[in-house]
C-alpha atoms as a PDB file:
ATOM      1  CA  UNK A   1      20.111  11.462 -88.482  1.00  0.00           C
ATOM      2  CA  UNK A   2      20.763  14.608 -90.638  1.00  0.00           C
ATOM      3  CA  UNK A   3      20.595  12.626 -93.702  1.00  0.00           C
ATOM      4  CA  UNK A   4      17.611  10.655 -92.416  1.00  0.00           C
ATOM      5  CA  UNK A   5      15.663  13.878 -91.913  1.00  0.00           C
ATOM      6  CA  UNK A   6      16.725  15.426 -95.572  1.00  0.00           C
ATOM      7  CA  UNK A   7      15.683  12.100 -96.971  1.00  0.00           C
ATOM      8  CA  UNK A   8      12.175  12.275 -94.889  1.00  0.00           C
ATOM      9  CA  UNK A   9      11.685  15.671 -96.135  1.00  0.00           C
ATOM     10  CA  UNK A  10      12.024  15.021 -99.566  1.00  0.00           C
ATOM     11  CA  UNK A  11       9.724  12.279 -99.606  1.00  0.00           C
ATOM     12  CA  UNK A  12       6.955  14.315 -97.930  1.00  0.00           C
ATOM     13  CA  UNK A  13       6.880  16.946-100.687  1.00  0.00           C
ATOM     14  CA  UNK A  14       7.457  14.580-103.424  1.00  0.00           C
ATOM     15  CA  UNK A  15       4.525  12.736-101.980  1.00  0.00           C
ATOM     16  CA  UNK A  16       2.386  15.828-101.926  1.00  0.00           C
ATOM     17  CA  UNK A  17       3.370  16.763-105.711  1.00  0.00           C
ATOM     18  CA  UNK A  18       5.827  19.393-104.752  1.00  0.00           C
ATOM     19  CA  UNK A  19       8.643  20.037-107.747  1.00  0.00           C
ATOM     20  CA  UNK A  20      12.154  20.295-106.351  1.00  0.00           C
ATOM     21  CA  UNK A  21      13.907  22.916-107.824  1.00  0.00           C
ATOM     22  CA  UNK A  22      17.772  24.535-107.686  1.00  0.00           C
ATOM     23  CA  UNK A  23      18.193  28.442-108.340  1.00  0.00           C
ATOM     24  CA  UNK A  24      21.528  30.229-108.459  1.00  0.00           C
ATOM     25  CA  UNK A  25      23.393  30.880-105.454  1.00  0.00           C
ATOM     26  CA  UNK A  26      25.279  34.023-106.843  1.00  0.00           C
ATOM     27  CA  UNK A  27      22.946  36.621-107.535  1.00  0.00           C
ATOM     28  CA  UNK A  28      22.951  40.657-108.725  1.00  0.00           C
ATOM     29  CA  UNK A  29      20.394  41.804-106.020  1.00  0.00           C
ATOM     30  CA  UNK A  30      19.500  40.365-102.577  1.00  0.00           C
ATOM     31  CA  UNK A  31      16.033  41.221-101.109  1.00  0.00           C
ATOM     32  CA  UNK A  32      16.992  44.183 -99.143  1.00  0.00           C
ATOM     33  CA  UNK A  33      16.453  43.735 -95.652  1.00  0.00           C
ATOM     34  CA  UNK A  34      17.756  46.012 -92.970  1.00  0.00           C
ATOM     35  CA  UNK A  35      18.609  43.141 -90.510  1.00  0.00           C
ATOM     36  CA  UNK A  36      20.184  40.754 -92.904  1.00  0.00           C
ATOM     37  CA  UNK A  37      23.632  41.119 -94.465  1.00  0.00           C
ATOM     38  CA  UNK A  38      24.364  39.295 -97.890  1.00  0.00           C
ATOM     39  CA  UNK A  39      27.810  38.486 -98.369  1.00  0.00           C
ATOM     40  CA  UNK A  40      29.292  39.922-101.475  1.00  0.00           C
ATOM     41  CA  UNK A  41      30.866  37.843-103.966  1.00  0.00           C
ATOM     42  CA  UNK A  42      32.537  39.880-106.796  1.00  0.00           C
ATOM     43  CA  UNK A  43      30.202  42.641-107.944  1.00  0.00           C
ATOM     44  CA  UNK A  44      27.128  40.338-107.283  1.00  0.00           C
ATOM     45  CA  UNK A  45      26.069  38.708-103.788  1.00  0.00           C
ATOM     46  CA  UNK A  46      25.713  35.012-102.368  1.00  0.00           C
ATOM     47  CA  UNK A  47      21.721  34.629-101.932  1.00  0.00           C
ATOM     48  CA  UNK A  48      20.493  35.194 -98.260  1.00  0.00           C
ATOM     49  CA  UNK A  49      17.254  32.713 -99.147  1.00  0.00           C
ATOM     50  CA  UNK A  50      16.258  31.338-102.431  1.00  0.00           C
ATOM     51  CA  UNK A  51      13.048  33.409-102.177  1.00  0.00           C
ATOM     52  CA  UNK A  52      13.200  36.173-105.280  1.00  0.00           C
ATOM     53  CA  UNK A  53      14.064  33.160-107.689  1.00  0.00           C
ATOM     54  CA  UNK A  54      11.730  30.782-106.364  1.00  0.00           C
ATOM     55  CA  UNK A  55       9.120  33.760-106.528  1.00  0.00           C
ATOM     56  CA  UNK A  56       9.755  34.213-110.337  1.00  0.00           C
ATOM     57  CA  UNK A  57       9.382  30.477-110.803  1.00  0.00           C
ATOM     58  CA  UNK A  58       5.845  30.739-109.004  1.00  0.00           C
ATOM     59  CA  UNK A  59       5.137  33.505-111.403  1.00  0.00           C
ATOM     60  CA  UNK A  60       6.377  31.190-114.352  1.00  0.00           C
ATOM     61  CA  UNK A  61       3.758  28.451-114.109  1.00  0.00           C
ATOM     62  CA  UNK A  62       5.112  26.533-111.358  1.00  0.00           C
ATOM     63  CA  UNK A  63       2.481  26.102-108.347  1.00  0.00           C
ATOM     64  CA  UNK A  64       3.983  23.849-106.016  1.00  0.00           C
ATOM     65  CA  UNK A  65       7.864  24.392-105.468  1.00  0.00           C
ATOM     66  CA  UNK A  66      10.910  23.159-102.591  1.00  0.00           C
ATOM     67  CA  UNK A  67      14.197  23.888-102.411  1.00  0.00           C
ATOM     68  CA  UNK A  68      16.948  22.350 -99.962  1.00  0.00           C
ATOM     69  CA  UNK A  69      20.126  24.871-100.478  1.00  0.00           C
ATOM     70  CA  UNK A  70      22.943  26.642 -98.569  1.00  0.00           C
ATOM     71  CA  UNK A  71      22.279  30.442 -97.914  1.00  0.00           C
ATOM     72  CA  UNK A  72      24.772  33.019 -96.744  1.00  0.00           C
ATOM     73  CA  UNK A  73      24.442  35.866 -94.370  1.00  0.00           C
ATOM     74  CA  UNK A  74      27.180  37.794 -93.409  1.00  0.00           C
ATOM     75  CA  UNK A  75      28.653  37.764 -89.933  1.00  0.00           C
ATOM     76  CA  UNK A  76      25.887  35.544 -88.218  1.00  0.00           C
ATOM     77  CA  UNK A  77      27.709  33.177 -85.685  1.00  0.00           C
ATOM     78  CA  UNK A  78      26.563  31.715 -82.552  1.00  0.00           C
ATOM     79  CA  UNK A  79      25.259  28.545 -80.716  1.00  0.00           C
ATOM     80  CA  UNK A  80      22.035  28.483 -83.117  1.00  0.00           C
ATOM     81  CA  UNK A  81      23.695  30.763 -86.200  1.00  0.00           C
ATOM     82  CA  UNK A  82      26.425  30.035 -89.044  1.00  0.00           C
ATOM     83  CA  UNK A  83      27.277  32.664 -91.723  1.00  0.00           C
ATOM     84  CA  UNK A  84      26.252  29.423 -94.044  1.00  0.00           C
ATOM     85  CA  UNK A  85      23.022  27.637 -93.239  1.00  0.00           C
ATOM     86  CA  UNK A  86      20.798  25.010 -94.864  1.00  0.00           C
ATOM     87  CA  UNK A  87      17.447  26.260 -95.423  1.00  0.00           C
ATOM     88  CA  UNK A  88      14.076  24.651 -96.676  1.00  0.00           C
ATOM     89  CA  UNK A  89      11.968  26.896 -98.656  1.00  0.00           C
ATOM     90  CA  UNK A  90       8.996  25.889-100.502  1.00  0.00           C
ATOM     91  CA  UNK A  91       5.613  27.645-101.907  1.00  0.00           C
ATOM     92  CA  UNK A  92       2.222  26.965-102.810  1.00  0.00           C
ATOM     93  CA  UNK A  93       0.154  28.848-105.085  1.00  0.00           C
ATOM     94  CA  UNK A  94      -3.538  29.649-103.915  1.00  0.00           C
ATOM     95  CA  UNK A  95      -2.363  29.259-100.144  1.00  0.00           C
ATOM     96  CA  UNK A  96      -2.381  31.446 -96.816  1.00  0.00           C
ATOM     97  CA  UNK A  97      -0.393  31.648 -94.045  1.00  0.00           C
ATOM     98  CA  UNK A  98      -2.982  29.736 -92.507  1.00  0.00           C
ATOM     99  CA  UNK A  99      -2.471  26.856 -94.857  1.00  0.00           C
ATOM    100  CA  UNK A 100       1.261  27.167 -94.356  1.00  0.00           C
ATOM    101  CA  UNK A 101       0.897  26.532 -90.484  1.00  0.00           C
ATOM    102  CA  UNK A 102      -0.863  23.074 -91.352  1.00  0.00           C
ATOM    103  CA  UNK A 103       1.874  22.228 -93.891  1.00  0.00           C
ATOM    104  CA  UNK A 104       4.299  22.934 -91.156  1.00  0.00           C
ATOM    105  CA  UNK A 105       2.621  20.408 -88.690  1.00  0.00           C
ATOM    106  CA  UNK A 106       2.153  17.786 -91.063  1.00  0.00           C
ATOM    107  CA  UNK A 107       5.827  18.120 -92.258  1.00  0.00           C
ATOM    108  CA  UNK A 108       7.313  18.243 -89.297  1.00  0.00           C
ATOM    109  CA  UNK A 109       5.387  15.408 -88.058  1.00  0.00           C
ATOM    110  CA  UNK A 110       6.243  13.077 -90.898  1.00  0.00           C
ATOM    111  CA  UNK A 111       9.857  13.600 -90.181  1.00  0.00           C
ATOM    112  CA  UNK A 112       9.549  12.611 -86.491  1.00  0.00           C
ATOM    113  CA  UNK A 113       7.581   9.868 -87.559  1.00  0.00           C
ATOM    114  CA  UNK A 114       9.735   8.576 -90.245  1.00  0.00           C
ATOM    115  CA  UNK A 115      12.725   8.508 -87.903  1.00  0.00           C
ATOM    116  CA  UNK A 116      10.535   6.622 -85.454  1.00  0.00           C
ATOM    117  CA  UNK A 117      10.446   9.356 -82.788  1.00  0.00           C
ATOM    118  CA  UNK A 118       7.356   9.634 -80.071  1.00  0.00           C
ATOM    119  CA  UNK A 119       5.109  12.904 -80.316  1.00  0.00           C
ATOM    120  CA  UNK A 120       6.923  13.372 -76.748  1.00  0.00           C
ATOM    121  CA  UNK A 121      10.104  14.580 -78.008  1.00  0.00           C
ATOM    122  CA  UNK A 122      12.976  14.912 -75.318  1.00  0.00           C
ATOM    123  CA  UNK A 123      15.028  17.766 -75.692  1.00  0.00           C
ATOM    124  CA  UNK A 124      17.298  19.666 -73.106  1.00  0.00           C
ATOM    125  CA  UNK A 125      16.073  17.769 -69.946  1.00  0.00           C
ATOM    126  CA  UNK A 126      12.511  18.585 -70.722  1.00  0.00           C
ATOM    127  CA  UNK A 127       9.772  17.262 -73.318  1.00  0.00           C
ATOM    128  CA  UNK A 128       8.122  18.850 -75.779  1.00  0.00           C
ATOM    129  CA  UNK A 129       4.284  17.548 -76.963  1.00  0.00           C
ATOM    130  CA  UNK A 130       4.369  17.330 -80.553  1.00  0.00           C
ATOM    131  CA  UNK A 131       0.549  16.207 -80.501  1.00  0.00           C
ATOM    132  CA  UNK A 132      -1.317  18.505 -83.701  1.00  0.00           C
ATOM    133  CA  UNK A 133      -2.706  20.776 -83.396  1.00  0.00           C
ATOM    134  CA  UNK A 134      -0.060  22.969 -81.991  1.00  0.00           C
ATOM    135  CA  UNK A 135      -0.469  26.429 -80.057  1.00  0.00           C
ATOM    136  CA  UNK A 136      -0.996  29.780 -81.619  1.00  0.00           C
ATOM    137  CA  UNK A 137      -0.362  33.272 -80.247  1.00  0.00           C
ATOM    138  CA  UNK A 138      -0.383  36.565 -81.991  1.00  0.00           C
ATOM    139  CA  UNK A 139       2.526  38.727 -81.617  1.00  0.00           C
ATOM    140  CA  UNK A 140       0.339  41.373 -80.066  1.00  0.00           C
ATOM    141  CA  UNK A 141      -0.473  39.079 -76.909  1.00  0.00           C
ATOM    142  CA  UNK A 142       2.970  37.503 -76.828  1.00  0.00           C
ATOM    143  CA  UNK A 143       4.371  40.647 -75.971  1.00  0.00           C
ATOM    144  CA  UNK A 144       1.604  41.657 -73.304  1.00  0.00           C
ATOM    145  CA  UNK A 145       2.263  38.264 -71.828  1.00  0.00           C
ATOM    146  CA  UNK A 146       6.091  38.386 -71.502  1.00  0.00           C
ATOM    147  CA  UNK A 147       7.628  41.845 -72.480  1.00  0.00           C
ATOM    148  CA  UNK A 148       6.166  44.667 -70.292  1.00  0.00           C
ATOM    149  CA  UNK A 149       5.708  46.604 -72.853  1.00  0.00           C
ATOM    150  CA  UNK A 150       3.236  46.376 -76.354  1.00  0.00           C
ATOM    151  CA  UNK A 151       4.627  45.360 -79.712  1.00  0.00           C
ATOM    152  CA  UNK A 152       3.596  49.130 -80.621  1.00  0.00           C
ATOM    153  CA  UNK A 153       5.518  50.537 -78.128  1.00  0.00           C
ATOM    154  CA  UNK A 154       8.799  48.659 -78.776  1.00  0.00           C
ATOM    155  CA  UNK A 155       8.569  49.415 -82.533  1.00  0.00           C
ATOM    156  CA  UNK A 156       8.446  53.070 -81.797  1.00  0.00           C
ATOM    157  CA  UNK A 157      11.514  52.705 -79.192  1.00  0.00           C
ATOM    158  CA  UNK A 158      13.611  50.843 -82.064  1.00  0.00           C
ATOM    159  CA  UNK A 159      13.654  47.879 -79.573  1.00  0.00           C
ATOM    160  CA  UNK A 160      11.183  45.562 -81.080  1.00  0.00           C
ATOM    161  CA  UNK A 161      13.943  42.534 -82.363  1.00  0.00           C
ATOM    162  CA  UNK A 162      15.764  42.909 -79.079  1.00  0.00           C
ATOM    163  CA  UNK A 163      12.486  42.335 -77.000  1.00  0.00           C
ATOM    164  CA  UNK A 164      11.386  39.874 -79.024  1.00  0.00           C
ATOM    165  CA  UNK A 165      14.649  37.597 -78.797  1.00  0.00           C
ATOM    166  CA  UNK A 166      15.364  38.359 -75.034  1.00  0.00           C
ATOM    167  CA  UNK A 167      12.005  38.763 -73.815  1.00  0.00           C
ATOM    168  CA  UNK A 168       9.539  36.605 -75.670  1.00  0.00           C
ATOM    169  CA  UNK A 169      11.105  34.061 -77.427  1.00  0.00           C
ATOM    170  CA  UNK A 170      12.557  31.912 -74.544  1.00  0.00           C
ATOM    171  CA  UNK A 171       8.739  31.537 -73.173  1.00  0.00           C
ATOM    172  CA  UNK A 172       7.587  30.620 -76.421  1.00  0.00           C
ATOM    173  CA  UNK A 173       7.110  26.212 -77.469  1.00  0.00           C
ATOM    174  CA  UNK A 174       8.727  25.128 -74.065  1.00  0.00           C
ATOM    175  CA  UNK A 175       5.975  22.407 -73.916  1.00  0.00           C
ATOM    176  CA  UNK A 176       4.156  22.446 -77.443  1.00  0.00           C
ATOM    177  CA  UNK A 177       5.478  23.953 -80.458  1.00  0.00           C
ATOM    178  CA  UNK A 178       4.009  27.369 -80.966  1.00  0.00           C
ATOM    179  CA  UNK A 179       3.148  29.716 -84.028  1.00  0.00           C
ATOM    180  CA  UNK A 180       3.652  33.000 -83.316  1.00  0.00           C
ATOM    181  CA  UNK A 181       1.515  35.179 -85.942  1.00  0.00           C
ATOM    182  CA  UNK A 182      -0.072  38.240 -87.155  1.00  0.00           C
ATOM    183  CA  UNK A 183       3.097  40.591 -87.133  1.00  0.00           C
ATOM    184  CA  UNK A 184       3.480  44.161 -87.351  1.00  0.00           C
ATOM    185  CA  UNK A 185       3.416  45.456 -90.700  1.00  0.00           C
ATOM    186  CA  UNK A 186       6.761  46.827 -90.449  1.00  0.00           C
ATOM    187  CA  UNK A 187       8.113  43.672 -89.538  1.00  0.00           C
ATOM    188  CA  UNK A 188       7.015  41.877 -92.838  1.00  0.00           C
ATOM    189  CA  UNK A 189       8.571  43.427 -95.577  1.00  0.00           C
ATOM    190  CA  UNK A 190       7.569  40.802 -98.428  1.00  0.00           C
ATOM    191  CA  UNK A 191       4.098  39.774 -96.684  1.00  0.00           C
ATOM    192  CA  UNK A 192       0.879  40.184 -97.517  1.00  0.00           C
ATOM    193  CA  UNK A 193      -1.003  43.043 -95.318  1.00  0.00           C
ATOM    194  CA  UNK A 194      -3.904  41.475 -93.053  1.00  0.00           C
ATOM    195  CA  UNK A 195      -7.559  42.379 -95.040  1.00  0.00           C
ATOM    196  CA  UNK A 196      -9.298  44.303 -92.420  1.00  0.00           C
ATOM    197  CA  UNK A 197      -6.247  45.292 -90.584  1.00  0.00           C
ATOM    198  CA  UNK A 198      -3.729  46.805 -92.732  1.00  0.00           C
ATOM    199  CA  UNK A 199      -1.324  47.170 -89.274  1.00  0.00           C
ATOM    200  CA  UNK A 200      -0.660  43.539 -89.297  1.00  0.00           C
ATOM    201  CA  UNK A 201       0.827  41.301 -91.590  1.00  0.00           C
ATOM    202  CA  UNK A 202      -0.044  37.819 -92.356  1.00  0.00           C
ATOM    203  CA  UNK A 203       3.217  35.945 -91.096  1.00  0.00           C
ATOM    204  CA  UNK A 204       4.207  33.650 -88.513  1.00  0.00           C
ATOM    205  CA  UNK A 205       7.500  32.255 -87.011  1.00  0.00           C
ATOM    206  CA  UNK A 206       7.260  28.263 -85.340  1.00  0.00           C
ATOM    207  CA  UNK A 207       8.837  28.457 -82.117  1.00  0.00           C
ATOM    208  CA  UNK A 208       9.874  24.705 -80.624  1.00  0.00           C
ATOM    209  CA  UNK A 209      11.671  24.927 -76.991  1.00  0.00           C
ATOM    210  CA  UNK A 210      12.171  28.575 -77.140  1.00  0.00           C
ATOM    211  CA  UNK A 211      13.906  28.119 -80.625  1.00  0.00           C
ATOM    212  CA  UNK A 212      12.862  29.689 -84.143  1.00  0.00           C
ATOM    213  CA  UNK A 213      12.513  26.973 -86.831  1.00  0.00           C
ATOM    214  CA  UNK A 214      10.960  28.703 -89.311  1.00  0.00           C
ATOM    215  CA  UNK A 215       9.509  32.048 -91.041  1.00  0.00           C
ATOM    216  CA  UNK A 216       6.548  31.909 -93.338  1.00  0.00           C
ATOM    217  CA  UNK A 217       3.764  34.274 -94.500  1.00  0.00           C
ATOM    218  CA  UNK A 218       1.491  35.277 -97.318  1.00  0.00           C
ATOM    219  CA  UNK A 219       3.006  36.668-100.235  1.00  0.00           C
ATOM    220  CA  UNK A 220       2.901  40.249-101.243  1.00  0.00           C
ATOM    221  CA  UNK A 221       2.361  39.812-104.787  1.00  0.00           C
ATOM    222  CA  UNK A 222       1.966  44.028-105.651  1.00  0.00           C
ATOM    223  CA  UNK A 223       4.969  44.948-107.357  1.00  0.00           C
ATOM    224  CA  UNK A 224       4.418  48.983-106.596  1.00  0.00           C
ATOM    225  CA  UNK A 225       3.593  47.862-102.875  1.00  0.00           C
ATOM    226  CA  UNK A 226       6.815  45.907-102.970  1.00  0.00           C
ATOM    227  CA  UNK A 227       8.917  48.388-104.498  1.00  0.00           C
ATOM    228  CA  UNK A 228       7.877  51.166-101.908  1.00  0.00           C
ATOM    229  CA  UNK A 229       8.657  48.595 -98.832  1.00  0.00           C
ATOM    230  CA  UNK A 230      12.297  47.886-100.489  1.00  0.00           C
ATOM    231  CA  UNK A 231      13.104  51.294-100.562  1.00  0.00           C
ATOM    232  CA  UNK A 232      12.208  51.531 -97.042  1.00  0.00           C
ATOM    233  CA  UNK A 233      14.271  48.922 -95.897  1.00  0.00           C
ATOM    234  CA  UNK A 234      16.764  50.627 -97.996  1.00  0.00           C
ATOM    235  CA  UNK A 235      16.867  53.537 -96.171  1.00  0.00           C
ATOM    236  CA  UNK A 236      16.894  51.824 -92.780  1.00  0.00           C
ATOM    237  CA  UNK A 237      20.206  50.078 -94.006  1.00  0.00           C
ATOM    238  CA  UNK A 238      21.592  53.455 -94.610  1.00  0.00           C
ATOM    239  CA  UNK A 239      20.542  54.983 -91.568  1.00  0.00           C
ATOM    240  CA  UNK A 240      22.044  52.251 -90.014  1.00  0.00           C
ATOM    241  CA  UNK A 241      25.379  52.656 -91.795  1.00  0.00           C
ATOM    242  CA  UNK A 242      24.802  49.467 -93.918  1.00  0.00           C
ATOM    243  CA  UNK A 243      25.660  48.818 -97.958  1.00  0.00           C
ATOM    244  CA  UNK A 244      22.829  49.523 -99.822  1.00  0.00           C
ATOM    245  CA  UNK A 245      21.732  46.932-102.556  1.00  0.00           C
ATOM    246  CA  UNK A 246      20.876  47.272-106.502  1.00  0.00           C
ATOM    247  CA  UNK A 247      17.036  47.169-106.465  1.00  0.00           C
ATOM    248  CA  UNK A 248      15.910  43.513-107.573  1.00  0.00           C
ATOM    249  CA  UNK A 249      14.085  44.923-110.663  1.00  0.00           C
ATOM    250  CA  UNK A 250      13.975  41.853-112.357  1.00  0.00           C
ATOM    251  CA  UNK A 251      11.871  40.325-109.567  1.00  0.00           C
ATOM    252  CA  UNK A 252       9.596  43.075-109.264  1.00  0.00           C
ATOM    253  CA  UNK A 253       8.799  42.651-113.137  1.00  0.00           C
ATOM    254  CA  UNK A 254       8.005  38.950-112.158  1.00  0.00           C
ATOM    255  CA  UNK A 255       5.728  39.747-109.296  1.00  0.00           C
ATOM    256  CA  UNK A 256       3.178  41.291-111.638  1.00  0.00           C
ATOM    257  CA  UNK A 257       2.428  37.669-112.868  1.00  0.00           C
ATOM    258  CA  UNK A 258       2.882  35.903-109.353  1.00  0.00           C
ATOM    259  CA  UNK A 259      -0.473  34.149-108.059  1.00  0.00           C
ATOM    260  CA  UNK A 260      -1.554  34.298-104.743  1.00  0.00           C
ATOM    261  CA  UNK A 261       0.653  32.198-102.556  1.00  0.00           C
ATOM    262  CA  UNK A 262       2.409  31.318 -99.494  1.00  0.00           C
ATOM    263  CA  UNK A 263       6.037  30.463 -98.542  1.00  0.00           C
ATOM    264  CA  UNK A 264       7.903  29.047 -95.945  1.00  0.00           C
ATOM    265  CA  UNK A 265      11.738  29.037 -94.538  1.00  0.00           C
ATOM    266  CA  UNK A 266      12.917  26.242 -92.365  1.00  0.00           C
ATOM    267  CA  UNK A 267      16.145  26.131 -90.571  1.00  0.00           C
ATOM    268  CA  UNK A 268      17.074  22.635 -91.503  1.00  0.00           C
ATOM    269  CA  UNK A 269      20.328  22.843 -88.886  1.00  0.00           C
ATOM    270  CA  UNK A 270      17.945  23.962 -86.207  1.00  0.00           C
ATOM    271  CA  UNK A 271      15.199  21.051 -86.938  1.00  0.00           C
ATOM    272  CA  UNK A 272      18.584  18.604 -86.815  1.00  0.00           C
ATOM    273  CA  UNK A 273      19.368  20.222 -83.565  1.00  0.00           C
ATOM    274  CA  UNK A 274      15.861  19.718 -81.851  1.00  0.00           C
ATOM    275  CA  UNK A 275      15.720  16.151 -83.302  1.00  0.00           C
ATOM    276  CA  UNK A 276      19.526  15.549 -81.676  1.00  0.00           C
ATOM    277  CA  UNK A 277      18.659  17.610 -78.789  1.00  0.00           C
ATOM    278  CA  UNK A 278      21.532  19.508 -78.845  1.00  0.00           C
ATOM    279  CA  UNK A 279      21.761  23.499 -78.352  1.00  0.00           C
ATOM    280  CA  UNK A 280      24.611  24.198 -80.446  1.00  0.00           C
ATOM    281  CA  UNK A 281      24.382  24.145 -84.210  1.00  0.00           C
ATOM    282  CA  UNK A 282      28.324  23.105 -84.300  1.00  0.00           C
ATOM    283  CA  UNK A 283      27.260  19.561 -83.571  1.00  0.00           C
ATOM    284  CA  UNK A 284      25.136  19.211 -86.306  1.00  0.00           C
ATOM    285  CA  UNK A 285      27.030  20.343 -89.346  1.00  0.00           C
ATOM    286  CA  UNK A 286      30.275  18.412 -90.743  1.00  0.00           C
ATOM    287  CA  UNK A 287      32.609  21.584 -90.574  1.00  0.00           C
ATOM    288  CA  UNK A 288      32.123  24.811 -89.119  1.00  0.00           C
ATOM    289  CA  UNK A 289      34.176  27.846 -90.538  1.00  0.00           C
ATOM    290  CA  UNK A 290      36.780  27.451 -87.666  1.00  0.00           C
ATOM    291  CA  UNK A 291      37.607  24.206 -88.602  1.00  0.00           C
ATOM    292  CA  UNK A 292      38.056  25.216 -92.190  1.00  0.00           C
END
């Protein structure tokens, strides 16, 4: 099934005129994000995402790109997490996060059809209706509905991620896939801010049966603003007692030439989990770390 899913993904992007690319796994400077830790590799790091290199290719003039690759995140292990995971990442020049929602619907719908599966997808004793269009819910409304406090209050108390994971996520996408969109600006370090609402980032995550499947946004293309955000993330990492990373200066130089675009990172392992009707990521990979 995993092999069939990967073939369906590649076929979707090839038919839509996307270029498949390969970028280095080992890089001198990962994107500094407070809550994602890169695995050191000598004096460099294994990438947590191919994002920085793929955006440089966008800036070099390649407008439609995709990549299926291994990514590495230190100390991530659980029923839905592996320290070595498989990510599908793609970028579309001239698109926004709203366009990316439609692309996401079409991609997953294509994979399901190629597997000759019903749009009424069985999962863990229930069913998820994949009929288009999928539901959309703002982060603001989701916190009001399920968290008992506002997103702003949770940020002020330093419990946004915890509240999202424990109170909000289990309620999302149980009957139909759901796009959770318009995150607080502080939660989108590489995302463009929403015109007219600069307190919001043009970011969404797709949830199916309470499980995050992908993370996408309209891309920030201002190198000065991106540098400031990276420095803020560095300060957060230091305050948390985490290692600071070198600033990805070459990426910031290329950002000056990057066109308006949207990008998406989709967890391939989790998509296979969904279609295989399992709650354990261990069931959909050939080897777990413990088996090596």
